[in-house]
Amino acid sequence: MPTYTCTTTAGRLSEEQRLKVVESITAMHSEETGAPRYLVQVICYEVDAHAHYVGGKEAPEEQSWIHGAIRSGRAEAVKRNMLGRIVRDVATATGSPEEYVWVYLCDLPAFHIIEYGQVMCPPGEEDAWFATLPNEI
């Protein structure tokens, strides 16, 4: 369920850098929350340098924006750890200073999410939920 969208300036990242971002976010979410890796989605978007503004001015080329939609119910300390890891890992992967990595985590109640045609389970109940899915999935 967790879906992280990563937005960077077009052409800024190599395929290797993008894959490092994807792997670091996937690993971080699974390690920090205990959720299985197979639930973590990371979608990378590139925007034209003249298509994103902050304060009415073009955003810096080094900027990365990470928006994570996660199931509610995580402790604040866990979310703080998640934020810190994303900033550090994305900065390392992209070569950008940490202050250019902005992260937003948004909580969604599990019952507001459907995946594989089923309403998502609360955190910690993933194995039982997954076992109810049809075998072909």
Protein backbone atom coordinates (compact mmCIF):
# COMPACT_ATOMS: atom_id res chain seq x y z
CA MET A 1 0.00 0.00 0.00
CA PRO A 2 2.55 2.61 0.77
CA THR A 3 3.01 4.68 -2.34
CA TYR A 4 5.91 7.07 -2.61
CA THR A 5 6.05 9.52 -5.50
CA CYS A 6 9.46 10.99 -6.18
CA THR A 7 9.65 14.11 -8.31
CA THR A 8 12.88 15.50 -9.73
CA THR A 9 13.94 17.79 -12.54
CA ALA A 10 13.92 16.04 -15.92
CA GLY A 11 17.28 14.51 -16.79
CA ARG A 12 18.71 15.16 -13.32
CA LEU A 13 19.07 11.52 -12.25
CA SER A 14 20.72 8.61 -13.99
CA GLU A 15 18.95 5.26 -14.07
CA GLU A 16 21.40 4.06 -11.40
CA GLN A 17 20.55 7.00 -9.11
CA ARG A 18 16.82 6.46 -9.63
CA LEU A 19 17.15 2.78 -8.75
CA LYS A 20 19.10 3.69 -5.59
CA VAL A 21 16.27 6.01 -4.56
CA VAL A 22 13.69 3.28 -5.23
CA GLU A 23 15.64 0.63 -3.31
CA SER A 24 16.36 2.91 -0.35
CA ILE A 25 12.71 3.93 0.04
CA THR A 26 11.51 0.33 -0.33
CA ALA A 27 13.99 -0.94 2.25
CA MET A 28 13.33 1.96 4.63
CA HIS A 29 9.57 1.47 4.64
CA SER A 30 9.79 -2.27 5.20
CA GLU A 31 12.43 -1.97 7.93
CA GLU A 32 10.79 0.90 9.80
CA THR A 33 7.20 -0.37 9.66
CA GLY A 34 7.52 -4.13 9.29
CA ALA A 35 5.33 -4.03 6.16
CA PRO A 36 6.31 -6.52 3.46
CA ARG A 37 8.44 -5.13 0.62
CA TYR A 38 5.92 -6.40 -1.93
CA LEU A 39 3.46 -3.71 -0.79
CA VAL A 40 5.84 -0.76 -1.28
CA GLN A 41 5.34 1.21 -4.49
CA VAL A 42 7.71 3.93 -5.67
CA ILE A 43 6.77 6.04 -8.67
CA CYS A 44 9.36 8.40 -10.16
CA TYR A 45 8.28 11.53 -12.00
CA GLU A 46 10.43 14.00 -13.85
CA VAL A 47 9.23 17.55 -14.44
CA ASP A 48 10.59 20.13 -16.80
CA ALA A 49 12.87 22.67 -15.12
CA HIS A 50 10.38 25.39 -16.09
CA ALA A 51 7.35 23.55 -14.72
CA HIS A 52 7.84 23.71 -10.96
CA TYR A 53 8.11 26.80 -8.80
CA VAL A 54 8.68 27.56 -5.15
CA GLY A 55 7.83 31.04 -3.93
CA GLY A 56 7.15 32.15 -7.51
CA LYS A 57 10.65 31.20 -8.70
CA GLU A 58 11.87 28.12 -10.53
CA ALA A 59 12.69 25.36 -8.09
CA PRO A 60 16.38 24.47 -7.75
CA GLU A 61 17.55 21.74 -10.13
CA GLU A 62 18.90 19.72 -7.17
CA GLN A 63 15.47 19.60 -5.49
CA SER A 64 13.73 16.27 -4.89
CA TRP A 65 10.19 15.96 -3.57
CA ILE A 66 9.04 12.74 -1.97
CA HIS A 67 5.36 12.31 -1.16
CA GLY A 68 4.52 9.18 0.78
CA ALA A 69 0.96 7.97 1.28
CA ILE A 70 1.10 5.46 4.14
CA ARG A 71 -1.45 3.69 6.30
CA SER A 72 -2.31 5.51 9.48
CA GLY A 73 -1.46 3.98 12.82
CA ARG A 74 2.30 4.44 12.84
CA ALA A 75 3.87 6.00 15.93
CA GLU A 76 5.24 9.52 15.58
CA ALA A 77 8.76 8.27 16.41
CA VAL A 78 8.54 5.77 13.55
CA LYS A 79 7.45 8.50 11.14
CA ARG A 80 10.29 10.77 12.28
CA ASN A 81 12.75 7.94 11.62
CA MET A 82 11.19 7.38 8.21
CA LEU A 83 11.50 11.05 7.31
CA GLY A 84 15.14 11.19 8.39
CA ARG A 85 16.08 8.07 6.49
CA ILE A 86 14.38 9.24 3.31
CA VAL A 87 16.19 12.58 3.44
CA ARG A 88 19.60 11.01 4.08
CA ASP A 89 19.19 8.19 1.57
CA VAL A 90 17.77 10.31 -1.24
CA ALA A 91 20.44 12.97 -0.73
CA THR A 92 23.11 10.29 -0.92
CA ALA A 93 21.59 8.65 -4.01
CA THR A 94 21.07 11.91 -5.90
CA GLY A 95 24.14 13.82 -4.75
CA SER A 96 21.95 16.67 -3.52
CA PRO A 97 22.37 18.42 -0.17
CA GLU A 98 19.82 17.20 2.41
CA GLU A 99 18.12 20.60 2.51
CA TYR A 100 17.07 20.02 -1.11
CA VAL A 101 15.17 16.82 -0.27
CA TRP A 102 11.65 17.63 0.86
CA VAL A 103 9.47 14.83 2.21
CA TYR A 104 5.77 14.70 3.03
CA LEU A 105 4.19 11.68 4.73
CA CYS A 106 0.41 11.50 4.63
CA ASP A 107 -1.60 9.04 6.70
CA LEU A 108 -4.55 7.22 5.15
CA PRO A 109 -6.90 4.95 7.06
CA ALA A 110 -6.53 1.39 5.76
CA PHE A 111 -10.24 1.26 4.93
CA HIS A 112 -9.73 4.13 2.45
CA ILE A 113 -7.48 1.94 0.29
CA ILE A 114 -8.20 -0.90 -2.12
CA GLU A 115 -5.45 -3.03 -3.64
CA TYR A 116 -5.83 -6.26 -5.59
CA GLY A 117 -9.58 -5.64 -5.41
CA GLN A 118 -9.63 -5.85 -1.60
CA VAL A 119 -9.88 -3.22 1.12
CA MET A 120 -6.47 -2.89 2.74
CA CYS A 121 -5.85 -4.27 6.21
CA PRO A 122 -4.56 -2.34 9.22
CA PRO A 123 -0.77 -2.30 9.74
CA GLY A 124 0.55 -5.62 11.02
CA GLU A 125 -2.15 -7.76 9.40
CA GLU A 126 -0.59 -7.98 5.92
CA ASP A 127 0.13 -11.73 5.90
CA ALA A 128 -3.46 -12.66 6.81
CA TRP A 129 -4.79 -10.14 4.27
CA PHE A 130 -2.51 -11.42 1.52
CA ALA A 131 -3.57 -15.02 2.24
CA THR A 132 -7.18 -14.09 1.35
CA LEU A 133 -6.23 -12.98 -2.17
CA PRO A 134 -6.87 -15.28 -5.14
CA ASN A 135 -3.90 -17.52 -6.00
CA GLU A 136 -3.42 -15.96 -9.46
CA ILE A 137 -2.53 -12.65 -7.80
